[in-house]
Every structure is written in C-alpha cells, then in structure tokens.
Amino acid sequence: MSDVVSLHVPENASTKNMMGAEELALMKPGSLLINAARGTVVDIPALCDALKRKHLAGGGYRRLPDGACNQQRSI
C-alpha cells in the first residue's frame, strides 16, 4: 500500500467525488492524500472525517472551500 496518494485528474462528471468515504477507508492508515486537482474530486466531509478519526495523517489540498474541516492544520 502507498504512503502517499496524489490526485492529478481533470474536473468532470466522472471524477466528481472520486475519492469518497469508501475510497479513503481503503487507504493505508497514517497515509497522506495530496489533491493537486480541483476540489470536487474529493468528498470534503469524508476527508474531514478521515482526518478527525486519524485514519489519514494529513494531506495537501490546492484550495479547500471556506470552513472545510474548520481549516484543520493537517490539510
């Protein structure tokens, strides 16, 4: 399993929320998610939940919507 998953995909109907709760749960515990794509590629509430539960160690995000995850420092 990977320690880091990095997303580089276009924003379209087939990539919207392609990383949801189910996909995030499949990631290695303690891993990192880097989203260099548009924000709609990741289900933000699912990402916040994975971070709060400490399933993911953190991540990098191009730009989070205002108020997402209460702007957690781990993102």
N, C-alpha and C. Protein backbone atom coordinates (compact mmCIF):
# COMPACT_ATOMS: atom_id res chain seq x y z
N MET A 1 0.84 -1.18 0.00
CA MET A 1 0.00 0.00 0.00
C MET A 1 0.88 1.25 0.00
N SER A 2 0.35 2.29 -0.57
CA SER A 2 1.09 3.55 -0.68
C SER A 2 1.01 4.38 0.59
N ASP A 3 2.09 5.09 0.86
CA ASP A 3 2.10 6.04 1.97
C ASP A 3 1.49 7.37 1.56
N VAL A 4 1.53 7.65 0.25
CA VAL A 4 1.00 8.91 -0.29
C VAL A 4 0.20 8.61 -1.54
N VAL A 5 -0.99 9.21 -1.63
CA VAL A 5 -1.80 9.16 -2.85
C VAL A 5 -1.90 10.59 -3.34
N SER A 6 -1.54 10.80 -4.61
CA SER A 6 -1.56 12.13 -5.20
C SER A 6 -2.53 12.13 -6.38
N LEU A 7 -3.47 13.06 -6.36
CA LEU A 7 -4.50 13.13 -7.40
C LEU A 7 -4.18 14.23 -8.41
N HIS A 8 -4.20 13.87 -9.69
CA HIS A 8 -3.93 14.80 -10.79
C HIS A 8 -4.89 14.44 -11.92
N VAL A 9 -6.13 14.83 -11.79
CA VAL A 9 -7.15 14.48 -12.79
C VAL A 9 -7.94 15.73 -13.15
N PRO A 10 -8.58 15.73 -14.33
CA PRO A 10 -9.42 16.87 -14.69
C PRO A 10 -10.72 16.86 -13.89
N GLU A 11 -11.35 18.00 -13.82
CA GLU A 11 -12.65 18.10 -13.17
C GLU A 11 -13.74 17.83 -14.21
N ASN A 12 -14.47 16.74 -14.01
CA ASN A 12 -15.60 16.44 -14.89
C ASN A 12 -16.56 15.51 -14.14
N ALA A 13 -17.62 15.11 -14.78
CA ALA A 13 -18.65 14.29 -14.13
C ALA A 13 -18.09 12.96 -13.61
N SER A 14 -17.13 12.39 -14.32
CA SER A 14 -16.62 11.08 -13.90
C SER A 14 -15.61 11.17 -12.76
N THR A 15 -15.07 12.36 -12.49
CA THR A 15 -14.10 12.50 -11.40
C THR A 15 -14.69 13.16 -10.16
N LYS A 16 -15.91 13.64 -10.24
CA LYS A 16 -16.52 14.30 -9.08
C LYS A 16 -16.66 13.30 -7.93
N ASN A 17 -16.11 13.67 -6.77
CA ASN A 17 -16.13 12.83 -5.57
C ASN A 17 -15.56 11.44 -5.82
N MET A 18 -14.56 11.34 -6.69
CA MET A 18 -13.96 10.03 -6.96
C MET A 18 -13.24 9.49 -5.73
N MET A 19 -12.89 10.37 -4.80
CA MET A 19 -12.31 9.95 -3.52
C MET A 19 -13.35 10.25 -2.44
N GLY A 20 -14.18 9.27 -2.18
CA GLY A 20 -15.22 9.40 -1.15
C GLY A 20 -14.84 8.60 0.09
N ALA A 21 -15.78 8.43 0.97
CA ALA A 21 -15.54 7.72 2.24
C ALA A 21 -15.01 6.31 2.00
N GLU A 22 -15.59 5.62 1.03
CA GLU A 22 -15.18 4.23 0.76
C GLU A 22 -13.73 4.17 0.27
N GLU A 23 -13.38 5.07 -0.65
CA GLU A 23 -12.02 5.07 -1.19
C GLU A 23 -11.00 5.51 -0.13
N LEU A 24 -11.37 6.50 0.67
CA LEU A 24 -10.46 6.96 1.73
C LEU A 24 -10.24 5.87 2.76
N ALA A 25 -11.28 5.09 3.05
CA ALA A 25 -11.15 3.99 4.02
C ALA A 25 -10.21 2.90 3.52
N LEU A 26 -10.06 2.79 2.20
CA LEU A 26 -9.16 1.78 1.63
C LEU A 26 -7.69 2.20 1.70
N MET A 27 -7.46 3.48 1.98
CA MET A 27 -6.08 3.96 2.06
C MET A 27 -5.40 3.41 3.31
N LYS A 28 -4.11 3.29 3.24
CA LYS A 28 -3.30 2.81 4.36
C LYS A 28 -3.45 3.76 5.56
N PRO A 29 -3.71 3.23 6.74
CA PRO A 29 -3.78 4.10 7.92
C PRO A 29 -2.48 4.89 8.09
N GLY A 30 -2.63 6.17 8.36
CA GLY A 30 -1.47 7.04 8.53
C GLY A 30 -0.91 7.60 7.24
N SER A 31 -1.57 7.32 6.12
CA SER A 31 -1.08 7.81 4.84
C SER A 31 -1.51 9.26 4.61
N LEU A 32 -1.04 9.82 3.50
CA LEU A 32 -1.32 11.20 3.13
C LEU A 32 -2.08 11.24 1.81
N LEU A 33 -2.99 12.20 1.69
CA LEU A 33 -3.71 12.42 0.44
C LEU A 33 -3.34 13.81 -0.07
N ILE A 34 -2.81 13.86 -1.28
CA ILE A 34 -2.46 15.12 -1.92
C ILE A 34 -3.42 15.32 -3.09
N ASN A 35 -4.15 16.41 -3.07
CA ASN A 35 -5.07 16.69 -4.16
C ASN A 35 -4.58 17.92 -4.93
N ALA A 36 -3.94 17.67 -6.07
CA ALA A 36 -3.49 18.75 -6.95
C ALA A 36 -4.55 19.05 -8.01
N ALA A 37 -5.65 18.32 -7.96
CA ALA A 37 -6.76 18.52 -8.90
C ALA A 37 -7.76 19.51 -8.30
N ARG A 38 -8.87 19.67 -8.94
CA ARG A 38 -9.93 20.54 -8.44
C ARG A 38 -10.56 19.96 -7.19
N GLY A 39 -11.16 20.81 -6.39
CA GLY A 39 -11.74 20.41 -5.11
C GLY A 39 -12.86 19.40 -5.20
N THR A 40 -13.58 19.36 -6.30
CA THR A 40 -14.72 18.45 -6.40
C THR A 40 -14.31 17.00 -6.54
N VAL A 41 -13.03 16.73 -6.72
CA VAL A 41 -12.54 15.36 -6.89
C VAL A 41 -12.63 14.58 -5.58
N VAL A 42 -12.52 15.28 -4.45
CA VAL A 42 -12.55 14.64 -3.13
C VAL A 42 -13.82 15.06 -2.40
N ASP A 43 -14.47 14.10 -1.79
CA ASP A 43 -15.64 14.36 -0.93
C ASP A 43 -15.10 14.99 0.36
N ILE A 44 -15.27 16.30 0.49
CA ILE A 44 -14.68 17.05 1.61
C ILE A 44 -15.16 16.55 2.98
N PRO A 45 -16.46 16.34 3.20
CA PRO A 45 -16.88 15.81 4.51
C PRO A 45 -16.24 14.46 4.83
N ALA A 46 -16.09 13.60 3.82
CA ALA A 46 -15.44 12.30 4.05
C ALA A 46 -13.97 12.48 4.39
N LEU A 47 -13.31 13.42 3.73
CA LEU A 47 -11.91 13.71 4.03
C LEU A 47 -11.77 14.24 5.45
N CYS A 48 -12.62 15.17 5.84
CA CYS A 48 -12.58 15.71 7.20
C CYS A 48 -12.78 14.61 8.23
N ASP A 49 -13.70 13.70 7.95
CA ASP A 49 -13.96 12.59 8.86
C ASP A 49 -12.73 11.69 8.99
N ALA A 50 -12.11 11.38 7.86
CA ALA A 50 -10.91 10.52 7.88
C ALA A 50 -9.78 11.18 8.67
N LEU A 51 -9.68 12.50 8.57
CA LEU A 51 -8.65 13.21 9.32
C LEU A 51 -8.98 13.25 10.81
N LYS A 52 -10.23 13.52 11.13
CA LYS A 52 -10.64 13.58 12.54
C LYS A 52 -10.47 12.24 13.23
N ARG A 53 -10.73 11.15 12.49
CA ARG A 53 -10.56 9.81 13.05
C ARG A 53 -9.10 9.37 13.05
N LYS A 54 -8.24 10.21 12.47
CA LYS A 54 -6.81 9.94 12.34
C LYS A 54 -6.51 8.73 11.47
N HIS A 55 -7.45 8.41 10.57
CA HIS A 55 -7.17 7.35 9.59
C HIS A 55 -6.09 7.86 8.63
N LEU A 56 -6.22 9.11 8.22
CA LEU A 56 -5.19 9.74 7.40
C LEU A 56 -4.34 10.64 8.29
N ALA A 57 -3.05 10.68 8.01
CA ALA A 57 -2.15 11.53 8.80
C ALA A 57 -2.29 12.99 8.40
N GLY A 58 -2.71 13.24 7.18
CA GLY A 58 -2.85 14.61 6.71
C GLY A 58 -2.95 14.62 5.20
N GLY A 59 -2.81 15.81 4.66
CA GLY A 59 -2.90 15.91 3.23
C GLY A 59 -2.57 17.30 2.74
N GLY A 60 -2.45 17.39 1.45
CA GLY A 60 -2.23 18.66 0.79
C GLY A 60 -3.38 18.92 -0.14
N TYR A 61 -3.83 20.15 -0.14
CA TYR A 61 -5.00 20.49 -0.94
C TYR A 61 -4.75 21.79 -1.66
N ARG A 62 -5.11 21.83 -2.90
CA ARG A 62 -4.93 23.03 -3.71
C ARG A 62 -5.69 24.20 -3.10
N ARG A 63 -6.96 23.99 -2.81
CA ARG A 63 -7.76 25.01 -2.14
C ARG A 63 -8.99 24.34 -1.56
N LEU A 64 -9.17 24.50 -0.25
CA LEU A 64 -10.36 23.97 0.41
C LEU A 64 -11.46 25.02 0.41
N PRO A 65 -12.71 24.58 0.34
CA PRO A 65 -13.81 25.54 0.48
C PRO A 65 -13.74 26.20 1.85
N ASP A 66 -14.18 27.45 1.96
CA ASP A 66 -14.18 28.15 3.24
C ASP A 66 -14.91 27.34 4.29
N GLY A 67 -14.30 27.20 5.46
CA GLY A 67 -14.91 26.49 6.57
C GLY A 67 -14.75 24.99 6.54
N ALA A 68 -14.15 24.44 5.49
CA ALA A 68 -14.00 22.98 5.40
C ALA A 68 -13.12 22.47 6.52
N CYS A 69 -13.60 21.47 7.20
CA CYS A 69 -12.85 20.83 8.31
C CYS A 69 -12.40 21.85 9.34
N ASN A 70 -13.10 22.97 9.43
CA ASN A 70 -12.67 24.04 10.33
C ASN A 70 -11.22 24.43 10.08
N GLN A 71 -10.82 24.32 8.80
CA GLN A 71 -9.47 24.67 8.36
C GLN A 71 -8.40 23.97 9.20
N GLN A 72 -8.56 22.68 9.35
CA GLN A 72 -7.62 21.88 10.14
C GLN A 72 -6.19 22.08 9.63
N ARG A 73 -5.25 22.12 10.53
CA ARG A 73 -3.85 22.30 10.15
C ARG A 73 -3.29 21.09 9.42
N SER A 74 -3.95 19.95 9.52
CA SER A 74 -3.43 18.75 8.87
C SER A 74 -3.70 18.74 7.38
N ILE A 75 -4.46 19.72 6.90
CA ILE A 75 -4.74 19.78 5.46
C ILE A 75 -3.88 20.87 4.84
